[in-house]
Amino acid sequence: MRTRRILRQTSAILALLTACHSGGTVPDDSIHVLVYNIHAGKDAARVENLSRVAEIVKDSGADIVLLQEVDNRTKRSGGVDQVARLRELTGYNGVFGKTIDYDGGEYGIAVLSRWPIVTTRFTRLPVTISDSARAKYEERGALVATISAPGGDVRVVDTHLDAFGGD
């Protein structure tokens, strides 16, 4: 029930944001956000591509980037702290939120920002799961970051929900 409420609230916020920008012009003080599932820093052929991810982030002109499927020192990613590497490659500030322990390291979500990130909080999301789905269960969470943007502090929330599960 709580998850449904969160999804409804998220949908309502997205609808409001869309309505605010339906005129076709972008205000001068607008903030550009990129939401990007980096698939553990691998391309379709499962080859490491963090440098390409960094290029996409920079080329997008995004001020704030919400990342999903981020590895932190896992074996599959060669022990790389992907957020630290992306900070180096982009010049952005960045924080990581661990969803699960995975492959000798951590796996989760992250926020990158052109501007300073002043506070962060990771919250586990409540999930009700059937016994039949328990074997495939992956914990979910939300990474909340307050960013010191030029027009004032902005709070962003990043999450990675299961699009196919019954949770």
Protein backbone atom coordinates (compact mmCIF):
# COMPACT_ATOMS: atom_id res chain seq x y z
CA MET A 1 0.00 0.00 0.00
CA ARG A 2 2.74 2.43 0.92
CA THR A 3 4.64 1.63 -2.29
CA ARG A 4 1.51 2.40 -4.33
CA ARG A 5 1.14 5.72 -2.51
CA ILE A 6 4.77 6.59 -3.28
CA LEU A 7 4.28 5.70 -6.96
CA ARG A 8 1.08 7.81 -7.14
CA GLN A 9 2.88 10.77 -5.55
CA THR A 10 5.80 10.38 -7.94
CA SER A 11 3.42 10.26 -10.92
CA ALA A 12 1.66 13.40 -9.67
CA ILE A 13 4.96 15.25 -9.32
CA LEU A 14 6.04 14.23 -12.82
CA ALA A 15 2.70 15.40 -14.21
CA LEU A 16 3.10 18.77 -12.49
CA LEU A 17 6.64 19.16 -13.80
CA THR A 18 5.49 18.31 -17.32
CA ALA A 19 2.65 20.83 -17.08
CA CYS A 20 5.07 23.53 -15.91
CA HIS A 21 7.18 23.14 -19.04
CA SER A 22 4.48 22.51 -21.62
CA GLY A 23 4.96 25.99 -23.13
CA GLY A 24 8.05 24.86 -25.01
CA THR A 25 10.45 27.34 -23.42
CA VAL A 26 12.85 26.59 -20.61
CA PRO A 27 13.25 29.21 -17.88
CA ASP A 28 16.75 30.67 -17.43
CA ASP A 29 16.90 29.35 -13.86
CA SER A 30 15.82 25.83 -14.82
CA ILE A 31 17.64 22.76 -13.60
CA HIS A 32 18.42 19.99 -16.07
CA VAL A 33 18.16 16.46 -14.67
CA LEU A 34 19.36 13.26 -16.31
CA VAL A 35 18.06 9.88 -15.08
CA TYR A 36 20.40 7.13 -16.24
CA ASN A 37 20.56 3.38 -15.61
CA ILE A 38 24.26 2.64 -16.15
CA HIS A 39 23.89 -1.18 -15.97
CA ALA A 40 26.84 -1.58 -13.58
CA GLY A 41 29.05 0.47 -15.90
CA LYS A 42 28.83 -2.05 -18.75
CA ASP A 43 27.61 -1.68 -22.33
CA ALA A 44 25.38 -4.17 -24.18
CA ALA A 45 28.40 -6.41 -24.84
CA ARG A 46 29.19 -6.32 -21.07
CA VAL A 47 32.33 -4.28 -21.65
CA GLU A 48 33.28 -1.59 -19.11
CA ASN A 49 32.11 1.82 -20.34
CA LEU A 50 32.32 4.31 -17.46
CA SER A 51 34.25 6.73 -19.67
CA ARG A 52 31.33 6.68 -22.13
CA VAL A 53 28.86 7.19 -19.27
CA ALA A 54 30.90 10.23 -18.21
CA GLU A 55 30.83 11.60 -21.78
CA ILE A 56 27.05 11.21 -21.92
CA VAL A 57 26.67 12.98 -18.58
CA LYS A 58 28.85 15.90 -19.68
CA ASP A 59 27.32 16.12 -23.18
CA SER A 60 23.78 16.10 -21.76
CA GLY A 61 24.32 19.42 -19.99
CA ALA A 62 22.63 17.96 -16.93
CA ASP A 63 23.04 19.78 -13.65
CA ILE A 64 21.91 16.79 -11.60
CA VAL A 65 22.20 13.13 -12.58
CA LEU A 66 20.26 10.29 -10.92
CA LEU A 67 22.00 6.97 -11.55
CA GLN A 68 20.75 3.41 -11.11
CA GLU A 69 22.57 0.06 -11.11
CA VAL A 70 25.84 1.46 -9.80
CA ASP A 71 28.64 -0.80 -8.52
CA ASN A 72 30.95 0.05 -5.66
CA ARG A 73 34.05 -2.15 -5.49
CA THR A 74 32.38 -5.30 -6.86
CA LYS A 75 34.34 -8.09 -8.50
CA ARG A 76 32.34 -7.75 -11.74
CA SER A 77 33.48 -4.13 -11.99
CA GLY A 78 37.11 -4.83 -11.15
CA GLY A 79 36.90 -3.38 -7.64
CA VAL A 80 36.21 0.11 -9.01
CA ASP A 81 34.31 2.68 -6.95
CA GLN A 82 32.17 3.80 -9.89
CA VAL A 83 30.91 7.00 -8.25
CA ALA A 84 34.48 8.08 -7.41
CA ARG A 85 35.53 7.31 -11.00
CA LEU A 86 32.59 9.27 -12.44
CA ARG A 87 33.45 12.20 -10.14
CA GLU A 88 36.98 12.17 -11.57
CA LEU A 89 35.80 11.91 -15.19
CA THR A 90 33.02 14.53 -14.99
CA GLY A 91 34.15 16.97 -12.33
CA TYR A 92 30.74 16.56 -10.66
CA ASN A 93 30.09 15.95 -6.98
CA GLY A 94 28.68 12.52 -6.24
CA VAL A 95 27.22 10.26 -3.57
CA PHE A 96 26.35 6.57 -3.49
CA GLY A 97 23.44 4.78 -1.81
CA LYS A 98 23.90 1.05 -1.18
CA THR A 99 20.86 -1.07 -1.88
CA ILE A 100 22.49 -4.48 -1.44
CA ASP A 101 25.80 -6.20 -0.80
CA TYR A 102 26.85 -7.75 -4.10
CA ASP A 103 29.78 -9.68 -5.56
CA GLY A 104 32.28 -8.71 -2.87
CA GLY A 105 31.18 -5.06 -2.87
CA GLU A 106 28.03 -2.99 -3.02
CA TYR A 107 25.34 -2.25 -5.58
CA GLY A 108 22.89 0.61 -5.60
CA ILE A 109 22.05 4.09 -6.79
CA ALA A 110 23.87 7.42 -6.94
CA VAL A 111 23.46 11.15 -7.42
CA LEU A 112 25.90 13.35 -9.32
CA SER A 113 25.67 17.15 -9.26
CA ARG A 114 27.49 20.16 -10.69
CA TRP A 115 26.82 21.88 -7.38
CA PRO A 116 27.72 20.88 -3.83
CA ILE A 117 25.70 18.08 -2.24
CA VAL A 118 25.07 19.30 1.29
CA THR A 119 23.12 16.41 2.83
CA THR A 120 22.21 12.85 1.92
CA ARG A 121 20.01 10.17 3.40
CA PHE A 122 19.32 6.64 2.21
CA THR A 123 15.97 5.09 3.08
CA ARG A 124 14.95 1.49 2.52
CA LEU A 125 11.62 1.26 0.75
CA PRO A 126 9.00 -1.08 2.18
CA VAL A 127 8.23 -4.00 -0.09
CA THR A 128 5.64 -6.73 0.27
CA ILE A 129 6.73 -9.77 -1.66
CA SER A 130 5.12 -13.12 -2.39
CA ASP A 131 6.85 -16.36 -1.44
CA SER A 132 7.21 -17.30 -5.11
CA ALA A 133 9.08 -14.05 -5.88
CA ARG A 134 11.35 -14.20 -2.81
CA ALA A 135 14.23 -15.92 -4.67
CA LYS A 136 14.49 -13.00 -7.11
CA TYR A 137 13.93 -10.30 -4.47
CA GLU A 138 16.24 -7.31 -4.45
CA GLU A 139 15.90 -4.67 -1.75
CA ARG A 140 14.87 -1.22 -2.93
CA GLY A 141 15.74 2.16 -1.53
CA ALA A 142 15.63 5.89 -2.10
CA LEU A 143 18.63 8.19 -1.98
CA VAL A 144 17.62 11.70 -0.93
CA ALA A 145 20.15 14.47 -1.56
CA THR A 146 19.98 18.18 -0.85
CA ILE A 147 21.95 20.13 -3.43
CA SER A 148 23.10 23.72 -3.08
CA ALA A 149 21.96 25.07 -6.47
CA PRO A 150 22.51 28.72 -7.46
CA GLY A 151 18.81 29.55 -6.87
CA GLY A 152 18.70 27.80 -3.48
CA ASP A 153 18.74 24.32 -2.08
CA VAL A 154 17.07 21.59 -4.13
CA ARG A 155 16.10 18.18 -2.77
CA VAL A 156 16.18 15.25 -5.19
CA VAL A 157 15.16 11.64 -4.71
CA ASP A 158 16.69 8.78 -6.69
CA THR A 159 15.36 5.23 -6.67
CA HIS A 160 15.36 2.09 -8.80
CA LEU A 161 12.12 0.17 -8.75
CA ASP A 162 11.39 -3.22 -10.25
CA ALA A 163 9.37 -2.67 -13.43
CA PHE A 164 8.41 -6.33 -13.74
CA GLY A 165 7.95 -7.66 -10.23
CA GLY A 166 4.82 -7.90 -8.16
CA ASP A 167 6.50 -6.06 -5.28
